PDB file of N, CA and C in Angstrom:
ATOM      1  N   MET A   1      -7.185  14.601  -2.159  1.00  0.00           N
ATOM      2  CA  MET A   1      -7.292  14.040  -3.479  1.00  0.00           C
ATOM      3  C   MET A   1      -6.783  12.594  -3.437  1.00  0.00           C
ATOM      4  N   ARG A   2      -7.501  11.706  -4.078  1.00  0.00           N
ATOM      5  CA  ARG A   2      -7.122  10.301  -4.120  1.00  0.00           C
ATOM      6  C   ARG A   2      -6.350  10.026  -5.407  1.00  0.00           C
ATOM      7  N   LYS A   3      -5.252   9.305  -5.266  1.00  0.00           N
ATOM      8  CA  LYS A   3      -4.466   8.866  -6.418  1.00  0.00           C
ATOM      9  C   LYS A   3      -4.482   7.345  -6.411  1.00  0.00           C
ATOM     10  N   TYR A   4      -4.388   6.749  -7.590  1.00  0.00           N
ATOM     11  CA  TYR A   4      -4.543   5.303  -7.695  1.00  0.00           C
ATOM     12  C   TYR A   4      -3.556   4.738  -8.711  1.00  0.00           C
ATOM     13  N   ARG A   5      -2.985   3.588  -8.383  1.00  0.00           N
ATOM     14  CA  ARG A   5      -2.139   2.836  -9.322  1.00  0.00           C
ATOM     15  C   ARG A   5      -2.652   1.412  -9.392  1.00  0.00           C
ATOM     16  N   GLN A   6      -2.767   0.886 -10.584  1.00  0.00           N
ATOM     17  CA  GLN A   6      -3.182  -0.500 -10.759  1.00  0.00           C
ATOM     18  C   GLN A   6      -1.957  -1.338 -11.097  1.00  0.00           C
ATOM     19  N   LEU A   7      -1.702  -2.348 -10.286  1.00  0.00           N
ATOM     20  CA  LEU A   7      -0.635  -3.305 -10.546  1.00  0.00           C
ATOM     21  C   LEU A   7      -1.286  -4.578 -11.077  1.00  0.00           C
ATOM     22  N   SER A   8      -0.520  -5.608 -11.362  1.00  0.00           N
ATOM     23  CA  SER A   8      -1.110  -6.795 -11.978  1.00  0.00           C
ATOM     24  C   SER A   8      -2.106  -7.517 -11.077  1.00  0.00           C
ATOM     25  N   GLN A   9      -1.832  -7.625  -9.761  1.00  0.00           N
ATOM     26  CA  GLN A   9      -2.720  -8.357  -8.856  1.00  0.00           C
ATOM     27  C   GLN A   9      -3.516  -7.455  -7.920  1.00  0.00           C
ATOM     28  N   ILE A  10      -3.009  -6.263  -7.643  1.00  0.00           N
ATOM     29  CA  ILE A  10      -3.609  -5.376  -6.640  1.00  0.00           C
ATOM     30  C   ILE A  10      -3.667  -3.944  -7.151  1.00  0.00           C
ATOM     31  N   GLY A  11      -4.360  -3.110  -6.409  1.00  0.00           N
ATOM     32  CA  GLY A  11      -4.348  -1.677  -6.640  1.00  0.00           C
ATOM     33  C   GLY A  11      -3.721  -1.000  -5.433  1.00  0.00           C
ATOM     34  N   VAL A  12      -3.210   0.202  -5.632  1.00  0.00           N
ATOM     35  CA  VAL A  12      -2.629   0.977  -4.537  1.00  0.00           C
ATOM     36  C   VAL A  12      -3.295   2.349  -4.559  1.00  0.00           C
ATOM     37  N   SER A  13      -3.832   2.753  -3.407  1.00  0.00           N
ATOM     38  CA  SER A  13      -4.541   4.020  -3.286  1.00  0.00           C
ATOM     39  C   SER A  13      -3.799   4.930  -2.310  1.00  0.00           C
ATOM     40  N   TYR A  14      -3.671   6.208  -2.695  1.00  0.00           N
ATOM     41  CA  TYR A  14      -3.005   7.194  -1.839  1.00  0.00           C
ATOM     42  C   TYR A  14      -3.952   8.368  -1.637  1.00  0.00           C
ATOM     43  N   LEU A  15      -4.259   8.656  -0.387  1.00  0.00           N
ATOM     44  CA  LEU A  15      -5.061   9.828  -0.031  1.00  0.00           C
ATOM     45  C   LEU A  15      -4.135  10.864   0.589  1.00  0.00           C
ATOM     46  N   GLU A  16      -4.121  12.076   0.039  1.00  0.00           N
ATOM     47  CA  GLU A  16      -3.281  13.134   0.606  1.00  0.00           C
ATOM     48  C   GLU A  16      -3.784  13.555   1.979  1.00  0.00           C
ATOM     49  N   LYS A  17      -5.092  13.458   2.195  1.00  0.00           N
ATOM     50  CA  LYS A  17      -5.686  13.825   3.485  1.00  0.00           C
ATOM     51  C   LYS A  17      -6.870  12.894   3.732  1.00  0.00           C
ATOM     52  N   ALA A  18      -6.655  11.859   4.527  1.00  0.00           N
ATOM     53  CA  ALA A  18      -7.715  10.895   4.816  1.00  0.00           C
ATOM     54  C   ALA A  18      -8.822  11.571   5.624  1.00  0.00           C
ATOM     55  N   PRO A  19     -10.090  11.242   5.353  1.00  0.00           N
ATOM     56  CA  PRO A  19     -11.192  11.917   6.037  1.00  0.00           C
ATOM     57  C   PRO A  19     -11.272  11.634   7.537  1.00  0.00           C
ATOM     58  N   ASP A  20     -10.777  10.484   7.991  1.00  0.00           N
ATOM     59  CA  ASP A  20     -10.918  10.147   9.406  1.00  0.00           C
ATOM     60  C   ASP A  20      -9.809  10.708  10.295  1.00  0.00           C
ATOM     61  N   HIS A  21      -8.608  10.942   9.761  1.00  0.00           N
ATOM     62  CA  HIS A  21      -7.519  11.450  10.602  1.00  0.00           C
ATOM     63  C   HIS A  21      -6.757  12.616   9.992  1.00  0.00           C
ATOM     64  N   GLY A  22      -7.051  12.984   8.754  1.00  0.00           N
ATOM     65  CA  GLY A  22      -6.466  14.169   8.144  1.00  0.00           C
ATOM     66  C   GLY A  22      -5.018  14.058   7.709  1.00  0.00           C
ATOM     67  N   GLN A  23      -4.440  12.859   7.764  1.00  0.00           N
ATOM     68  CA  GLN A  23      -3.055  12.650   7.348  1.00  0.00           C
ATOM     69  C   GLN A  23      -3.027  11.844   6.049  1.00  0.00           C
ATOM     70  N   PRO A  24      -1.893  11.856   5.338  1.00  0.00           N
ATOM     71  CA  PRO A  24      -1.769  11.009   4.160  1.00  0.00           C
ATOM     72  C   PRO A  24      -1.924   9.533   4.543  1.00  0.00           C
ATOM     73  N   GLU A  25      -2.521   8.750   3.628  1.00  0.00           N
ATOM     74  CA  GLU A  25      -2.730   7.330   3.898  1.00  0.00           C
ATOM     75  C   GLU A  25      -2.513   6.535   2.614  1.00  0.00           C
ATOM     76  N   LEU A  26      -1.803   5.425   2.731  1.00  0.00           N
ATOM     77  CA  LEU A  26      -1.559   4.528   1.613  1.00  0.00           C
ATOM     78  C   LEU A  26      -2.235   3.202   1.917  1.00  0.00           C
ATOM     79  N   ALA A  27      -2.985   2.679   0.943  1.00  0.00           N
ATOM     80  CA  ALA A  27      -3.708   1.426   1.152  1.00  0.00           C
ATOM     81  C   ALA A  27      -3.541   0.515  -0.056  1.00  0.00           C
ATOM     82  N   VAL A  28      -3.582  -0.792   0.203  1.00  0.00           N
ATOM     83  CA  VAL A  28      -3.569  -1.806  -0.843  1.00  0.00           C
ATOM     84  C   VAL A  28      -5.011  -2.257  -1.046  1.00  0.00           C
ATOM     85  N   LEU A  29      -5.436  -2.381  -2.306  1.00  0.00           N
ATOM     86  CA  LEU A  29      -6.790  -2.810  -2.627  1.00  0.00           C
ATOM     87  C   LEU A  29      -6.738  -4.186  -3.278  1.00  0.00           C
ATOM     88  N   PHE A  30      -7.367  -5.157  -2.619  1.00  0.00           N
ATOM     89  CA  PHE A  30      -7.445  -6.515  -3.145  1.00  0.00           C
ATOM     90  C   PHE A  30      -8.813  -6.705  -3.789  1.00  0.00           C
ATOM     91  N   PRO A  31      -8.872  -7.163  -5.049  1.00  0.00           N
ATOM     92  CA  PRO A  31     -10.180  -7.377  -5.671  1.00  0.00           C
ATOM     93  C   PRO A  31     -10.903  -8.563  -5.024  1.00  0.00           C
ATOM     94  N   VAL A  32     -12.153  -8.338  -4.625  1.00  0.00           N
ATOM     95  CA  VAL A  32     -12.986  -9.392  -4.054  1.00  0.00           C
ATOM     96  C   VAL A  32     -13.933  -9.908  -5.125  1.00  0.00           C
ATOM     97  N   SER A  33     -14.495  -8.996  -5.868  1.00  0.00           N
ATOM     98  CA  SER A  33     -15.353  -9.329  -6.995  1.00  0.00           C
ATOM     99  C   SER A  33     -15.152  -8.234  -8.038  1.00  0.00           C
ATOM    100  N   ARG A  34     -15.939  -8.272  -9.066  1.00  0.00           N
ATOM    101  CA  ARG A  34     -15.775  -7.303 -10.147  1.00  0.00           C
ATOM    102  C   ARG A  34     -15.942  -5.853  -9.672  1.00  0.00           C
ATOM    103  N   ARG A  35     -16.828  -5.625  -8.719  1.00  0.00           N
ATOM    104  CA  ARG A  35     -17.120  -4.261  -8.276  1.00  0.00           C
ATOM    105  C   ARG A  35     -16.692  -3.965  -6.845  1.00  0.00           C
ATOM    106  N   ARG A  36     -16.138  -4.938  -6.143  1.00  0.00           N
ATOM    107  CA  ARG A  36     -15.784  -4.731  -4.738  1.00  0.00           C
ATOM    108  C   ARG A  36     -14.307  -5.002  -4.503  1.00  0.00           C
ATOM    109  N   HIS A  37     -13.739  -4.262  -3.554  1.00  0.00           N
ATOM    110  CA  HIS A  37     -12.340  -4.428  -3.173  1.00  0.00           C
ATOM    111  C   HIS A  37     -12.229  -4.464  -1.657  1.00  0.00           C
ATOM    112  N   ARG A  38     -11.255  -5.195  -1.164  1.00  0.00           N
ATOM    113  CA  ARG A  38     -10.927  -5.160   0.263  1.00  0.00           C
ATOM    114  C   ARG A  38      -9.777  -4.174   0.408  1.00  0.00           C
ATOM    115  N   VAL A  39      -9.969  -3.146   1.215  1.00  0.00           N
ATOM    116  CA  VAL A  39      -8.988  -2.077   1.383  1.00  0.00           C
ATOM    117  C   VAL A  39      -8.215  -2.314   2.675  1.00  0.00           C
ATOM    118  N   VAL A  40      -6.876  -2.374   2.563  1.00  0.00           N
ATOM    119  CA  VAL A  40      -6.014  -2.598   3.723  1.00  0.00           C
ATOM    120  C   VAL A  40      -5.017  -1.441   3.821  1.00  0.00           C
ATOM    121  N   PRO A  41      -5.228  -0.511   4.766  1.00  0.00           N
ATOM    122  CA  PRO A  41      -4.255   0.573   4.950  1.00  0.00           C
ATOM    123  C   PRO A  41      -2.904  -0.003   5.398  1.00  0.00           C
ATOM    124  N   ILE A  42      -1.819   0.468   4.780  1.00  0.00           N
ATOM    125  CA  ILE A  42      -0.494  -0.054   5.137  1.00  0.00           C
ATOM    126  C   ILE A  42       0.436   1.015   5.695  1.00  0.00           C
ATOM    127  N   ALA A  43       0.112   2.299   5.481  1.00  0.00           N
ATOM    128  CA  ALA A  43       0.985   3.359   5.999  1.00  0.00           C
ATOM    129  C   ALA A  43       0.189   4.655   6.150  1.00  0.00           C
ATOM    130  N   VAL A  44       0.590   5.453   7.145  1.00  0.00           N
ATOM    131  CA  VAL A  44      -0.047   6.745   7.423  1.00  0.00           C
ATOM    132  C   VAL A  44       1.055   7.781   7.633  1.00  0.00           C
ATOM    133  N   GLY A  45       0.754   9.017   7.260  1.00  0.00           N
ATOM    134  CA  GLY A  45       1.689  10.122   7.500  1.00  0.00           C
ATOM    135  C   GLY A  45       2.850  10.141   6.524  1.00  0.00           C
ATOM    136  N   GLU A  46       4.029  10.501   7.033  1.00  0.00           N
ATOM    137  CA  GLU A  46       5.218  10.627   6.188  1.00  0.00           C
ATOM    138  C   GLU A  46       5.589   9.309   5.518  1.00  0.00           C
ATOM    139  N   GLU A  47       5.369   8.201   6.209  1.00  0.00           N
ATOM    140  CA  GLU A  47       5.683   6.883   5.639  1.00  0.00           C
ATOM    141  C   GLU A  47       4.814   6.617   4.409  1.00  0.00           C
ATOM    142  N   ALA A  48       3.545   7.003   4.455  1.00  0.00           N
ATOM    143  CA  ALA A  48       2.651   6.825   3.309  1.00  0.00           C
ATOM    144  C   ALA A  48       3.139   7.645   2.116  1.00  0.00           C
ATOM    145  N   THR A  49       3.531   8.885   2.365  1.00  0.00           N
ATOM    146  CA  THR A  49       4.029   9.745   1.290  1.00  0.00           C
ATOM    147  C   THR A  49       5.316   9.179   0.698  1.00  0.00           C
ATOM    148  N   ARG A  50       6.214   8.698   1.551  1.00  0.00           N
ATOM    149  CA  ARG A  50       7.476   8.128   1.069  1.00  0.00           C
ATOM    150  C   ARG A  50       7.230   6.890   0.213  1.00  0.00           C
ATOM    151  N   LEU A  51       6.337   6.015   0.661  1.00  0.00           N
ATOM    152  CA  LEU A  51       6.050   4.796  -0.102  1.00  0.00           C
ATOM    153  C   LEU A  51       5.345   5.100  -1.420  1.00  0.00           C
ATOM    154  N   TRP A  52       4.554   6.171  -1.473  1.00  0.00           N
ATOM    155  CA  TRP A  52       3.895   6.536  -2.726  1.00  0.00           C
ATOM    156  C   TRP A  52       4.919   7.091  -3.719  1.00  0.00           C
ATOM    157  N   GLN A  53       5.853   7.902  -3.225  1.00  0.00           N
ATOM    158  CA  GLN A  53       6.849   8.518  -4.094  1.00  0.00           C
ATOM    159  C   GLN A  53       7.945   7.543  -4.502  1.00  0.00           C
ATOM    160  N   GLN A  54       8.266   6.586  -3.640  1.00  0.00           N
ATOM    161  CA  GLN A  54       9.288   5.572  -3.920  1.00  0.00           C
ATOM    162  C   GLN A  54       8.657   4.200  -3.676  1.00  0.00           C
ATOM    163  N   PRO A  55       7.805   3.749  -4.594  1.00  0.00           N
ATOM    164  CA  PRO A  55       7.005   2.553  -4.335  1.00  0.00           C
ATOM    165  C   PRO A  55       7.828   1.270  -4.219  1.00  0.00           C
ATOM    166  N   LEU A  56       7.317   0.379  -3.397  1.00  0.00           N
ATOM    167  CA  LEU A  56       7.868  -0.968  -3.276  1.00  0.00           C
ATOM    168  C   LEU A  56       7.301  -1.816  -4.404  1.00  0.00           C
ATOM    169  N   GLY A  57       7.859  -2.989  -4.582  1.00  0.00           N
ATOM    170  CA  GLY A  57       7.322  -3.922  -5.556  1.00  0.00           C
ATOM    171  C   GLY A  57       5.986  -4.482  -5.092  1.00  0.00           C
ATOM    172  N   GLU A  58       5.284  -5.098  -6.011  1.00  0.00           N
ATOM    173  CA  GLU A  58       3.956  -5.634  -5.715  1.00  0.00           C
ATOM    174  C   GLU A  58       3.981  -6.677  -4.600  1.00  0.00           C
ATOM    175  N   GLU A  59       4.948  -7.581  -4.628  1.00  0.00           N
ATOM    176  CA  GLU A  59       5.033  -8.619  -3.590  1.00  0.00           C
ATOM    177  C   GLU A  59       5.294  -8.011  -2.214  1.00  0.00           C
ATOM    178  N   ALA A  60       6.131  -6.977  -2.149  1.00  0.00           N
ATOM    179  CA  ALA A  60       6.414  -6.311  -0.870  1.00  0.00           C
ATOM    180  C   ALA A  60       5.166  -5.612  -0.336  1.00  0.00           C
ATOM    181  N   LEU A  61       4.371  -5.000  -1.211  1.00  0.00           N
ATOM    182  CA  LEU A  61       3.129  -4.359  -0.780  1.00  0.00           C
ATOM    183  C   LEU A  61       2.138  -5.386  -0.246  1.00  0.00           C
ATOM    184  N   ILE A  62       2.067  -6.542  -0.891  1.00  0.00           N
ATOM    185  CA  ILE A  62       1.173  -7.610  -0.425  1.00  0.00           C
ATOM    186  C   ILE A  62       1.614  -8.094   0.950  1.00  0.00           C
ATOM    187  N   LYS A  63       2.921  -8.234   1.163  1.00  0.00           N
ATOM    188  CA  LYS A  63       3.433  -8.653   2.478  1.00  0.00           C
ATOM    189  C   LYS A  63       3.105  -7.618   3.547  1.00  0.00           C
ATOM    190  N   LEU A  64       3.260  -6.335   3.228  1.00  0.00           N
ATOM    191  CA  LEU A  64       2.912  -5.283   4.192  1.00  0.00           C
ATOM    192  C   LEU A  64       1.432  -5.358   4.562  1.00  0.00           C
ATOM    193  N   ALA A  65       0.582  -5.577   3.568  1.00  0.00           N
ATOM    194  CA  ALA A  65      -0.855  -5.666   3.830  1.00  0.00           C
ATOM    195  C   ALA A  65      -1.189  -6.877   4.692  1.00  0.00           C
ATOM    196  N   ALA A  66      -0.388  -7.932   4.588  1.00  0.00           N
ATOM    197  CA  ALA A  66      -0.603  -9.140   5.390  1.00  0.00           C
ATOM    198  C   ALA A  66       0.038  -9.018   6.769  1.00  0.00           C
ATOM    199  N   GLY A  67       0.708  -7.901   7.039  1.00  0.00           N
ATOM    200  CA  GLY A  67       1.335  -7.691   8.338  1.00  0.00           C
ATOM    201  C   GLY A  67       2.711  -8.307   8.450  1.00  0.00           C
ATOM    202  N   GLN A  68       3.308  -8.671   7.324  1.00  0.00           N
ATOM    203  CA  GLN A  68       4.641  -9.266   7.325  1.00  0.00           C
ATOM    204  C   GLN A  68       5.679  -8.213   6.964  1.00  0.00           C
ATOM    205  N   ASN A  69       6.927  -8.483   7.325  1.00  0.00           N
ATOM    206  CA  ASN A  69       8.043  -7.616   6.975  1.00  0.00           C
ATOM    207  C   ASN A  69       8.431  -7.900   5.524  1.00  0.00           C
ATOM    208  N   PRO A  70       8.398  -6.888   4.630  1.00  0.00           N
ATOM    209  CA  PRO A  70       8.747  -7.133   3.228  1.00  0.00           C
ATOM    210  C   PRO A  70      10.209  -7.515   3.028  1.00  0.00           C
ATOM    211  N   GLU A  71      11.070  -7.225   4.011  1.00  0.00           N
ATOM    212  CA  GLU A  71      12.489  -7.570   3.920  1.00  0.00           C
ATOM    213  C   GLU A  71      12.741  -9.016   4.327  1.00  0.00           C
ATOM    214  N   GLN A  72      11.771  -9.655   4.962  1.00  0.00           N
ATOM    215  CA  GLN A  72      11.934 -11.016   5.458  1.00  0.00           C
ATOM    216  C   GLN A  72      12.127 -11.974   4.285  1.00  0.00           C
ATOM    217  N   GLY A  73      13.096 -12.845   4.421  1.00  0.00           N
ATOM    218  CA  GLY A  73      13.352 -13.833   3.385  1.00  0.00           C
ATOM    219  C   GLY A  73      14.400 -13.408   2.378  1.00  0.00           C
ATOM    220  N   LYS A  74      14.843 -12.153   2.428  1.00  0.00           N
ATOM    221  CA  LYS A  74      15.897 -11.703   1.522  1.00  0.00           C
ATOM    222  C   LYS A  74      17.248 -12.084   2.109  1.00  0.00           C
ATOM    223  N   ALA A  75      18.192 -12.321   1.242  1.00  0.00           N
ATOM    224  CA  ALA A  75      19.542 -12.655   1.696  1.00  0.00           C
ATOM    225  C   ALA A  75      20.191 -11.418   2.314  1.00  0.00           C
ATOM    226  N   ALA A  76      20.953 -11.627   3.350  1.00  0.00           N
ATOM    227  CA  ALA A  76      21.667 -10.528   4.001  1.00  0.00           C
ATOM    228  C   ALA A  76      22.790 -10.049   3.093  1.00  0.00           C
ATOM    229  N   PRO A  77      23.038  -8.732   3.042  1.00  0.00           N
ATOM    230  CA  PRO A  77      24.130  -8.235   2.202  1.00  0.00           C
ATOM    231  C   PRO A  77      25.480  -8.735   2.711  1.00  0.00           C
ATOM    232  N   ALA A  78      26.369  -9.019   1.765  1.00  0.00           N
ATOM    233  CA  ALA A  78      27.691  -9.564   2.121  1.00  0.00           C
ATOM    234  C   ALA A  78      28.649  -8.491   2.549  1.00  0.00           C
TER     235      ALA A  78
END
């Protein structure tokens, strides 16, 4: 079953069982046009389920989709 969340700039899609590998998959959807989206998988398996249940912020999801560390640029705890 596919679940979907719409954020202000992107969408987030969660498949409980992806058709190609049978594991949970979390993907970020970037709008390309009114009817088309670019889908970027960001997590598979337990990590996908964890991120769906405890979602990151929109900027962190965009960084993950770009292949960057979402923690990068944050101040270190004192």
